[in-house]
Each structure stands twice: as structure tokens, then as C-alpha cells.
Amino acid sequence: AHTSLVLSDLAPETTYEVALIPESNVHYFPPQTTKV
């Protein structure tokens, strides 16, 4: 049901690789990735 999430307790001045993997029992969705 969610479309957002806050990540905290991270290190300053650091690039994070983030992957969101939809685990669906109906369709296959490719993982979404981003760098922050």
C-alpha cells in the first residue's frame, strides 16, 4: 500500500545505491533502482 518511505541513520556525504523490488503475486515488475 505504500508509495514512500523515509530512510534515516545514514552516513553523511555518502552515495547510497537503492533497489526497490516489487514482490507481486500477480505481475512481474522489474526492480527500480536509484542512487542518492
PDB file of all heavy atoms in Angstrom:
ATOM      1  N   ALA A   1       0.821  -1.219   0.000  1.00  0.00           N
ATOM      2  CA  ALA A   1       0.000   0.000   0.000  1.00  0.00           C
ATOM      3  C   ALA A   1       0.855   1.269   0.000  1.00  0.00           C
ATOM      4  O   ALA A   1       0.362   2.350  -0.273  1.00  0.00           O
ATOM      5  CB  ALA A   1      -0.915  -0.007   1.225  1.00  0.00           C
ATOM      6  N   HIS A   2       2.138   1.149   0.318  1.00  0.00           N
ATOM      7  CA  HIS A   2       2.991   2.331   0.462  1.00  0.00           C
ATOM      8  C   HIS A   2       3.556   2.813  -0.882  1.00  0.00           C
ATOM      9  O   HIS A   2       3.803   2.000  -1.770  1.00  0.00           O
ATOM     10  CB  HIS A   2       4.180   2.026   1.381  1.00  0.00           C
ATOM     11  CG  HIS A   2       3.804   1.966   2.829  1.00  0.00           C
ATOM     12  ND1 HIS A   2       3.812   3.058   3.657  1.00  0.00           N
ATOM     13  CD2 HIS A   2       3.406   0.930   3.606  1.00  0.00           C
ATOM     14  CE1 HIS A   2       3.436   2.693   4.873  1.00  0.00           C
ATOM     15  NE2 HIS A   2       3.184   1.406   4.874  1.00  0.00           N
ATOM     16  N   THR A   3       3.772   4.116  -0.991  1.00  0.00           N
ATOM     17  CA  THR A   3       4.490   4.666  -2.151  1.00  0.00           C
ATOM     18  C   THR A   3       5.624   5.586  -1.702  1.00  0.00           C
ATOM     19  O   THR A   3       6.197   6.318  -2.500  1.00  0.00           O
ATOM     20  CB  THR A   3       3.548   5.464  -3.072  1.00  0.00           C
ATOM     21  OG1 THR A   3       2.912   6.488  -2.298  1.00  0.00           O
ATOM     22  CG2 THR A   3       2.480   4.569  -3.707  1.00  0.00           C
ATOM     23  N   SER A   4       5.935   5.563  -0.409  1.00  0.00           N
ATOM     24  CA  SER A   4       7.080   6.342   0.064  1.00  0.00           C
ATOM     25  C   SER A   4       7.591   5.758   1.376  1.00  0.00           C
ATOM     26  O   SER A   4       6.883   5.023   2.066  1.00  0.00           O
ATOM     27  CB  SER A   4       6.720   7.821   0.254  1.00  0.00           C
ATOM     28  OG  SER A   4       6.044   8.009   1.474  1.00  0.00           O
ATOM     29  N   LEU A   5       8.842   6.085   1.679  1.00  0.00           N
ATOM     30  CA  LEU A   5       9.470   5.592   2.904  1.00  0.00           C
ATOM     31  C   LEU A   5      10.634   6.520   3.240  1.00  0.00           C
ATOM     32  O   LEU A   5      11.361   6.948   2.343  1.00  0.00           O
ATOM     33  CB  LEU A   5      10.002   4.170   2.678  1.00  0.00           C
ATOM     34  CG  LEU A   5      10.674   3.511   3.890  1.00  0.00           C
ATOM     35  CD1 LEU A   5       9.634   3.149   4.943  1.00  0.00           C
ATOM     36  CD2 LEU A   5      11.421   2.257   3.461  1.00  0.00           C
ATOM     37  N   VAL A   6      10.800   6.821   4.525  1.00  0.00           N
ATOM     38  CA  VAL A   6      11.934   7.638   4.958  1.00  0.00           C
ATOM     39  C   VAL A   6      13.046   6.717   5.461  1.00  0.00           C
ATOM     40  O   VAL A   6      12.808   5.871   6.317  1.00  0.00           O
ATOM     41  CB  VAL A   6      11.516   8.619   6.071  1.00  0.00           C
ATOM     42  CG1 VAL A   6      12.731   9.371   6.605  1.00  0.00           C
ATOM     43  CG2 VAL A   6      10.482   9.606   5.549  1.00  0.00           C
ATOM     44  N   LEU A   7      14.240   6.878   4.907  1.00  0.00           N
ATOM     45  CA  LEU A   7      15.417   6.164   5.412  1.00  0.00           C
ATOM     46  C   LEU A   7      16.202   7.130   6.283  1.00  0.00           C
ATOM     47  O   LEU A   7      16.434   8.276   5.898  1.00  0.00           O
ATOM     48  CB  LEU A   7      16.300   5.684   4.253  1.00  0.00           C
ATOM     49  CG  LEU A   7      15.669   4.654   3.320  1.00  0.00           C
ATOM     50  CD1 LEU A   7      16.687   4.209   2.283  1.00  0.00           C
ATOM     51  CD2 LEU A   7      15.163   3.449   4.091  1.00  0.00           C
ATOM     52  N   SER A   8      16.626   6.659   7.475  1.00  0.00           N
ATOM     53  CA  SER A   8      17.377   7.541   8.376  1.00  0.00           C
ATOM     54  C   SER A   8      18.586   6.802   8.923  1.00  0.00           C
ATOM     55  O   SER A   8      18.841   5.654   8.552  1.00  0.00           O
ATOM     56  CB  SER A   8      16.465   8.031   9.506  1.00  0.00           C
ATOM     57  OG  SER A   8      15.873   6.927  10.147  1.00  0.00           O
ATOM     58  N   ASP A   9      19.331   7.456   9.807  1.00  0.00           N
ATOM     59  CA  ASP A   9      20.558   6.888  10.397  1.00  0.00           C
ATOM     60  C   ASP A   9      21.587   6.530   9.327  1.00  0.00           C
ATOM     61  O   ASP A   9      22.274   5.511   9.431  1.00  0.00           O
ATOM     62  CB  ASP A   9      20.255   5.627  11.235  1.00  0.00           C
ATOM     63  CG  ASP A   9      19.347   5.962  12.408  1.00  0.00           C
ATOM     64  OD1 ASP A   9      19.495   7.070  12.963  1.00  0.00           O
ATOM     65  OD2 ASP A   9      18.488   5.138  12.746  1.00  0.00           O
ATOM     66  N   LEU A  10      21.675   7.352   8.294  1.00  0.00           N
ATOM     67  CA  LEU A  10      22.647   7.099   7.228  1.00  0.00           C
ATOM     68  C   LEU A  10      23.894   7.937   7.461  1.00  0.00           C
ATOM     69  O   LEU A  10      23.887   8.882   8.250  1.00  0.00           O
ATOM     70  CB  LEU A  10      22.033   7.436   5.867  1.00  0.00           C
ATOM     71  CG  LEU A  10      20.724   6.704   5.537  1.00  0.00           C
ATOM     72  CD1 LEU A  10      20.236   7.103   4.159  1.00  0.00           C
ATOM     73  CD2 LEU A  10      20.890   5.204   5.632  1.00  0.00           C
ATOM     74  N   ALA A  11      24.975   7.596   6.765  1.00  0.00           N
ATOM     75  CA  ALA A  11      26.229   8.330   6.913  1.00  0.00           C
ATOM     76  C   ALA A  11      26.199   9.587   6.045  1.00  0.00           C
ATOM     77  O   ALA A  11      25.657   9.559   4.936  1.00  0.00           O
ATOM     78  CB  ALA A  11      27.402   7.440   6.500  1.00  0.00           C
ATOM     79  N   PRO A  12      26.793  10.700   6.527  1.00  0.00           N
ATOM     80  CA  PRO A  12      26.820  11.918   5.712  1.00  0.00           C
ATOM     81  C   PRO A  12      27.775  11.778   4.527  1.00  0.00           C
ATOM     82  O   PRO A  12      28.700  10.971   4.547  1.00  0.00           O
ATOM     83  CB  PRO A  12      27.312  12.995   6.683  1.00  0.00           C
ATOM     84  CG  PRO A  12      28.014  12.257   7.763  1.00  0.00           C
ATOM     85  CD  PRO A  12      27.400  10.886   7.845  1.00  0.00           C
ATOM     86  N   GLU A  13      27.525  12.567   3.487  1.00  0.00           N
ATOM     87  CA  GLU A  13      28.376  12.632   2.295  1.00  0.00           C
ATOM     88  C   GLU A  13      28.682  11.243   1.739  1.00  0.00           C
ATOM     89  O   GLU A  13      29.829  10.892   1.465  1.00  0.00           O
ATOM     90  CB  GLU A  13      29.702  13.347   2.616  1.00  0.00           C
ATOM     91  CG  GLU A  13      29.583  14.838   2.488  1.00  0.00           C
ATOM     92  CD  GLU A  13      30.929  15.543   2.589  1.00  0.00           C
ATOM     93  OE1 GLU A  13      31.507  15.576   3.691  1.00  0.00           O
ATOM     94  OE2 GLU A  13      31.393  16.065   1.567  1.00  0.00           O
ATOM     95  N   THR A  14      27.637  10.415   1.627  1.00  0.00           N
ATOM     96  CA  THR A  14      27.798   9.043   1.163  1.00  0.00           C
ATOM     97  C   THR A  14      26.774   8.779   0.062  1.00  0.00           C
ATOM     98  O   THR A  14      25.621   9.196   0.179  1.00  0.00           O
ATOM     99  CB  THR A  14      27.571   8.054   2.328  1.00  0.00           C
ATOM    100  OG1 THR A  14      28.496   8.369   3.373  1.00  0.00           O
ATOM    101  CG2 THR A  14      27.773   6.609   1.905  1.00  0.00           C
ATOM    102  N   THR A  15      27.213   8.111  -1.001  1.00  0.00           N
ATOM    103  CA  THR A  15      26.292   7.736  -2.067  1.00  0.00           C
ATOM    104  C   THR A  15      25.722   6.349  -1.756  1.00  0.00           C
ATOM    105  O   THR A  15      26.484   5.402  -1.542  1.00  0.00           O
ATOM    106  CB  THR A  15      27.003   7.717  -3.424  1.00  0.00           C
ATOM    107  OG1 THR A  15      27.492   9.036  -3.692  1.00  0.00           O
ATOM    108  CG2 THR A  15      26.059   7.296  -4.545  1.00  0.00           C
ATOM    109  N   TYR A  16      24.403   6.271  -1.714  1.00  0.00           N
ATOM    110  CA  TYR A  16      23.713   5.001  -1.460  1.00  0.00           C
ATOM    111  C   TYR A  16      23.098   4.490  -2.754  1.00  0.00           C
ATOM    112  O   TYR A  16      22.519   5.258  -3.520  1.00  0.00           O
ATOM    113  CB  TYR A  16      22.611   5.190  -0.405  1.00  0.00           C
ATOM    114  CG  TYR A  16      23.164   5.276   0.992  1.00  0.00           C
ATOM    115  CD1 TYR A  16      23.631   6.481   1.501  1.00  0.00           C
ATOM    116  CD2 TYR A  16      23.253   4.138   1.792  1.00  0.00           C
ATOM    117  CE1 TYR A  16      24.177   6.553   2.780  1.00  0.00           C
ATOM    118  CE2 TYR A  16      23.787   4.205   3.072  1.00  0.00           C
ATOM    119  CZ  TYR A  16      24.246   5.412   3.557  1.00  0.00           C
ATOM    120  OH  TYR A  16      24.784   5.480   4.817  1.00  0.00           O
ATOM    121  N   GLU A  17      23.235   3.190  -2.966  1.00  0.00           N
ATOM    122  CA  GLU A  17      22.516   2.526  -4.048  1.00  0.00           C
ATOM    123  C   GLU A  17      21.263   1.916  -3.443  1.00  0.00           C
ATOM    124  O   GLU A  17      21.332   1.185  -2.452  1.00  0.00           O
ATOM    125  CB  GLU A  17      23.393   1.452  -4.699  1.00  0.00           C
ATOM    126  CG  GLU A  17      24.529   2.062  -5.483  1.00  0.00           C
ATOM    127  CD  GLU A  17      25.396   1.035  -6.191  1.00  0.00           C
ATOM    128  OE1 GLU A  17      25.157  -0.179  -6.022  1.00  0.00           O
ATOM    129  OE2 GLU A  17      26.313   1.458  -6.906  1.00  0.00           O
ATOM    130  N   VAL A  18      20.123   2.220  -4.043  1.00  0.00           N
ATOM    131  CA  VAL A  18      18.844   1.791  -3.505  1.00  0.00           C
ATOM    132  C   VAL A  18      18.126   0.967  -4.563  1.00  0.00           C
ATOM    133  O   VAL A  18      18.068   1.365  -5.727  1.00  0.00           O
ATOM    134  CB  VAL A  18      17.973   3.013  -3.132  1.00  0.00           C
ATOM    135  CG1 VAL A  18      16.652   2.568  -2.507  1.00  0.00           C
ATOM    136  CG2 VAL A  18      18.722   3.952  -2.189  1.00  0.00           C
ATOM    137  N   ALA A  19      17.598  -0.181  -4.160  1.00  0.00           N
ATOM    138  CA  ALA A  19      16.794  -1.003  -5.068  1.00  0.00           C
ATOM    139  C   ALA A  19      15.449  -1.301  -4.411  1.00  0.00           C
ATOM    140  O   ALA A  19      15.395  -1.709  -3.253  1.00  0.00           O
ATOM    141  CB  ALA A  19      17.519  -2.308  -5.390  1.00  0.00           C
ATOM    142  N   LEU A  20      14.384  -1.063  -5.162  1.00  0.00           N
ATOM    143  CA  LEU A  20      13.032  -1.371  -4.706  1.00  0.00           C
ATOM    144  C   LEU A  20      12.538  -2.534  -5.564  1.00  0.00           C
ATOM    145  O   LEU A  20      12.421  -2.398  -6.779  1.00  0.00           O
ATOM    146  CB  LEU A  20      12.128  -0.154  -4.875  1.00  0.00           C
ATOM    147  CG  LEU A  20      10.694  -0.323  -4.372  1.00  0.00           C
ATOM    148  CD1 LEU A  20      10.649  -0.246  -2.854  1.00  0.00           C
ATOM    149  CD2 LEU A  20       9.793   0.738  -4.976  1.00  0.00           C
ATOM    150  N   ILE A  21      12.277  -3.666  -4.928  1.00  0.00           N
ATOM    151  CA  ILE A  21      11.879  -4.872  -5.662  1.00  0.00           C
ATOM    152  C   ILE A  21      10.409  -5.154  -5.366  1.00  0.00           C
ATOM    153  O   ILE A  21      10.056  -5.521  -4.238  1.00  0.00           O
ATOM    154  CB  ILE A  21      12.768  -6.065  -5.252  1.00  0.00           C
ATOM    155  CG1 ILE A  21      14.234  -5.720  -5.486  1.00  0.00           C
ATOM    156  CG2 ILE A  21      12.372  -7.327  -6.014  1.00  0.00           C
ATOM    157  CD1 ILE A  21      15.187  -6.388  -4.532  1.00  0.00           C
ATOM    158  N   PRO A  22       9.525  -4.953  -6.366  1.00  0.00           N
ATOM    159  CA  PRO A  22       8.112  -5.260  -6.141  1.00  0.00           C
ATOM    160  C   PRO A  22       7.918  -6.780  -6.120  1.00  0.00           C
ATOM    161  O   PRO A  22       8.276  -7.464  -7.074  1.00  0.00           O
ATOM    162  CB  PRO A  22       7.401  -4.633  -7.354  1.00  0.00           C
ATOM    163  CG  PRO A  22       8.405  -3.687  -7.957  1.00  0.00           C
ATOM    164  CD  PRO A  22       9.737  -4.300  -7.682  1.00  0.00           C
ATOM    165  N   GLU A  23       7.393  -7.300  -5.014  1.00  0.00           N
ATOM    166  CA  GLU A  23       7.165  -8.739  -4.872  1.00  0.00           C
ATOM    167  C   GLU A  23       5.663  -8.963  -5.090  1.00  0.00           C
ATOM    168  O   GLU A  23       4.882  -8.908  -4.148  1.00  0.00           O
ATOM    169  CB  GLU A  23       7.574  -9.217  -3.468  1.00  0.00           C
ATOM    170  CG  GLU A  23       8.957  -8.762  -3.020  1.00  0.00           C
ATOM    171  CD  GLU A  23      10.073  -9.674  -3.530  1.00  0.00           C
ATOM    172  OE1 GLU A  23       9.776 -10.595  -4.320  1.00  0.00           O
ATOM    173  OE2 GLU A  23      11.229  -9.458  -3.121  1.00  0.00           O
ATOM    174  N   SER A  24       5.286  -9.159  -6.365  1.00  0.00           N
ATOM    175  CA  SER A  24       3.867  -9.239  -6.699  1.00  0.00           C
ATOM    176  C   SER A  24       3.466 -10.679  -6.954  1.00  0.00           C
ATOM    177  O   SER A  24       4.213 -11.436  -7.554  1.00  0.00           O
ATOM    178  CB  SER A  24       3.587  -8.406  -7.955  1.00  0.00           C
ATOM    179  OG  SER A  24       2.286  -8.664  -8.434  1.00  0.00           O
ATOM    180  N   ASN A  25       2.262 -11.023  -6.515  1.00  0.00           N
ATOM    181  CA  ASN A  25       1.760 -12.357  -6.835  1.00  0.00           C
ATOM    182  C   ASN A  25       0.896 -12.338  -8.089  1.00  0.00           C
ATOM    183  O   ASN A  25       0.259 -13.322  -8.424  1.00  0.00           O
ATOM    184  CB  ASN A  25       0.979 -12.949  -5.645  1.00  0.00           C
ATOM    185  CG  ASN A  25      -0.085 -11.982  -5.150  1.00  0.00           C
ATOM    186  OD1 ASN A  25      -0.495 -11.079  -5.870  1.00  0.00           O
ATOM    187  ND2 ASN A  25      -0.549 -12.183  -3.922  1.00  0.00           N
ATOM    188  N   VAL A  26       0.875 -11.176  -8.774  1.00  0.00           N
ATOM    189  CA  VAL A  26       0.046 -11.040  -9.978  1.00  0.00           C
ATOM    190  C   VAL A  26       0.898 -10.800 -11.223  1.00  0.00           C
ATOM    191  O   VAL A  26       0.785 -11.498 -12.222  1.00  0.00           O
ATOM    192  CB  VAL A  26      -0.967  -9.889  -9.815  1.00  0.00           C
ATOM    193  CG1 VAL A  26      -1.885  -9.804 -11.027  1.00  0.00           C
ATOM    194  CG2 VAL A  26      -1.783 -10.075  -8.535  1.00  0.00           C
ATOM    195  N   HIS A  27       1.763  -9.777 -11.171  1.00  0.00           N
ATOM    196  CA  HIS A  27       2.586  -9.405 -12.324  1.00  0.00           C
ATOM    197  C   HIS A  27       4.046  -9.436 -11.922  1.00  0.00           C
ATOM    198  O   HIS A  27       4.381  -9.313 -10.754  1.00  0.00           O
ATOM    199  CB  HIS A  27       2.281  -7.968 -12.796  1.00  0.00           C
ATOM    200  CG  HIS A  27       0.869  -7.772 -13.220  1.00  0.00           C
ATOM    201  ND1 HIS A  27       0.370  -8.259 -14.407  1.00  0.00           N
ATOM    202  CD2 HIS A  27      -0.162  -7.127 -12.614  1.00  0.00           C
ATOM    203  CE1 HIS A  27      -0.905  -7.916 -14.508  1.00  0.00           C
ATOM    204  NE2 HIS A  27      -1.241  -7.231 -13.427  1.00  0.00           N
ATOM    205  N   TYR A  28       4.905  -9.529 -12.948  1.00  0.00           N
ATOM    206  CA  TYR A  28       6.334  -9.311 -12.690  1.00  0.00           C
ATOM    207  C   TYR A  28       6.636  -7.839 -12.925  1.00  0.00           C
ATOM    208  O   TYR A  28       6.301  -7.293 -13.978  1.00  0.00           O
ATOM    209  CB  TYR A  28       7.214 -10.167 -13.620  1.00  0.00           C
ATOM    210  CG  TYR A  28       8.667  -9.739 -13.546  1.00  0.00           C
ATOM    211  CD1 TYR A  28       9.439 -10.076 -12.433  1.00  0.00           C
ATOM    212  CD2 TYR A  28       9.240  -8.959 -14.551  1.00  0.00           C
ATOM    213  CE1 TYR A  28      10.751  -9.662 -12.326  1.00  0.00           C
ATOM    214  CE2 TYR A  28      10.562  -8.532 -14.450  1.00  0.00           C
ATOM    215  CZ  TYR A  28      11.308  -8.891 -13.346  1.00  0.00           C
ATOM    216  OH  TYR A  28      12.605  -8.463 -13.234  1.00  0.00           O
ATOM    217  N   PHE A  29       7.252  -7.191 -11.941  1.00  0.00           N
ATOM    218  CA  PHE A  29       7.725  -5.822 -12.112  1.00  0.00           C
ATOM    219  C   PHE A  29       9.237  -5.839 -11.951  1.00  0.00           C
ATOM    220  O   PHE A  29       9.744  -6.428 -10.992  1.00  0.00           O
ATOM    221  CB  PHE A  29       7.146  -4.890 -11.048  1.00  0.00           C
ATOM    222  CG  PHE A  29       5.667  -4.685 -11.148  1.00  0.00           C
ATOM    223  CD1 PHE A  29       4.806  -5.338 -10.285  1.00  0.00           C
ATOM    224  CD2 PHE A  29       5.139  -3.822 -12.095  1.00  0.00           C
ATOM    225  CE1 PHE A  29       3.432  -5.140 -10.364  1.00  0.00           C
ATOM    226  CE2 PHE A  29       3.769  -3.627 -12.181  1.00  0.00           C
ATOM    227  CZ  PHE A  29       2.909  -4.285 -11.313  1.00  0.00           C
ATOM    228  N   PRO A  30       9.983  -5.211 -12.878  1.00  0.00           N
ATOM    229  CA  PRO A  30      11.439  -5.158 -12.683  1.00  0.00           C
ATOM    230  C   PRO A  30      11.784  -4.307 -11.464  1.00  0.00           C
ATOM    231  O   PRO A  30      11.040  -3.385 -11.115  1.00  0.00           O
ATOM    232  CB  PRO A  30      11.952  -4.515 -13.972  1.00  0.00           C
ATOM    233  CG  PRO A  30      10.795  -3.773 -14.543  1.00  0.00           C
ATOM    234  CD  PRO A  30       9.551  -4.490 -14.095  1.00  0.00           C
ATOM    235  N   PRO A  31      12.911  -4.617 -10.808  1.00  0.00           N
ATOM    236  CA  PRO A  31      13.345  -3.779  -9.677  1.00  0.00           C
ATOM    237  C   PRO A  31      13.593  -2.344 -10.148  1.00  0.00           C
ATOM    238  O   PRO A  31      14.043  -2.119 -11.263  1.00  0.00           O
ATOM    239  CB  PRO A  31      14.652  -4.431  -9.232  1.00  0.00           C
ATOM    240  CG  PRO A  31      14.627  -5.808  -9.801  1.00  0.00           C
ATOM    241  CD  PRO A  31      13.823  -5.741 -11.055  1.00  0.00           C
ATOM    242  N   GLN A  32      13.265  -1.408  -9.283  1.00  0.00           N
ATOM    243  CA  GLN A  32      13.539   0.007  -9.547  1.00  0.00           C
ATOM    244  C   GLN A  32      14.797   0.373  -8.748  1.00  0.00           C
ATOM    245  O   GLN A  32      14.896   0.021  -7.575  1.00  0.00           O
ATOM    246  CB  GLN A  32      12.386   0.862  -9.042  1.00  0.00           C
ATOM    247  CG  GLN A  32      11.038   0.450  -9.566  1.00  0.00           C
ATOM    248  CD  GLN A  32      10.475   1.479 -10.524  1.00  0.00           C
ATOM    249  OE1 GLN A  32      10.713   2.671 -10.400  1.00  0.00           O
ATOM    250  NE2 GLN A  32       9.753   0.993 -11.514  1.00  0.00           N
ATOM    251  N   THR A  33      15.733   1.057  -9.383  1.00  0.00           N
ATOM    252  CA  THR A  33      16.963   1.417  -8.670  1.00  0.00           C
ATOM    253  C   THR A  33      17.236   2.909  -8.793  1.00  0.00           C
ATOM    254  O   THR A  33      16.814   3.559  -9.755  1.00  0.00           O
ATOM    255  CB  THR A  33      18.183   0.646  -9.220  1.00  0.00           C
ATOM    256  OG1 THR A  33      18.322   0.975 -10.602  1.00  0.00           O
ATOM    257  CG2 THR A  33      18.015  -0.850  -9.052  1.00  0.00           C
ATOM    258  N   THR A  34      17.939   3.427  -7.816  1.00  0.00           N
ATOM    259  CA  THR A  34      18.367   4.822  -7.872  1.00  0.00           C
ATOM    260  C   THR A  34      19.606   4.969  -7.008  1.00  0.00           C
ATOM    261  O   THR A  34      19.927   4.096  -6.196  1.00  0.00           O
ATOM    262  CB  THR A  34      17.248   5.776  -7.399  1.00  0.00           C
ATOM    263  OG1 THR A  34      17.652   7.122  -7.650  1.00  0.00           O
ATOM    264  CG2 THR A  34      16.960   5.629  -5.906  1.00  0.00           C
ATOM    265  N   LYS A  35      20.321   6.077  -7.210  1.00  0.00           N
ATOM    266  CA  LYS A  35      21.469   6.404  -6.355  1.00  0.00           C
ATOM    267  C   LYS A  35      21.177   7.736  -5.681  1.00  0.00           C
ATOM    268  O   LYS A  35      20.702   8.667  -6.331  1.00  0.00           O
ATOM    269  CB  LYS A  35      22.753   6.547  -7.184  1.00  0.00           C
ATOM    270  CG  LYS A  35      23.376   5.236  -7.561  1.00  0.00           C
ATOM    271  CD  LYS A  35      24.718   5.459  -8.237  1.00  0.00           C
ATOM    272  CE  LYS A  35      25.327   4.123  -8.637  1.00  0.00           C
ATOM    273  NZ  LYS A  35      26.611   4.304  -9.312  1.00  0.00           N
ATOM    274  N   VAL A  36      21.465   7.809  -4.398  1.00  0.00           N
ATOM    275  CA  VAL A  36      21.211   9.031  -3.628  1.00  0.00           C
ATOM    276  C   VAL A  36      22.457   9.352  -2.811  1.00  0.00           C
ATOM    277  O   VAL A  36      23.003   8.469  -2.151  1.00  0.00           O
ATOM    278  CB  VAL A  36      20.015   8.857  -2.670  1.00  0.00           C
ATOM    279  CG1 VAL A  36      19.668  10.186  -2.013  1.00  0.00           C
ATOM    280  CG2 VAL A  36      18.808   8.267  -3.386  1.00  0.00           C
TER     281      VAL A  36
END
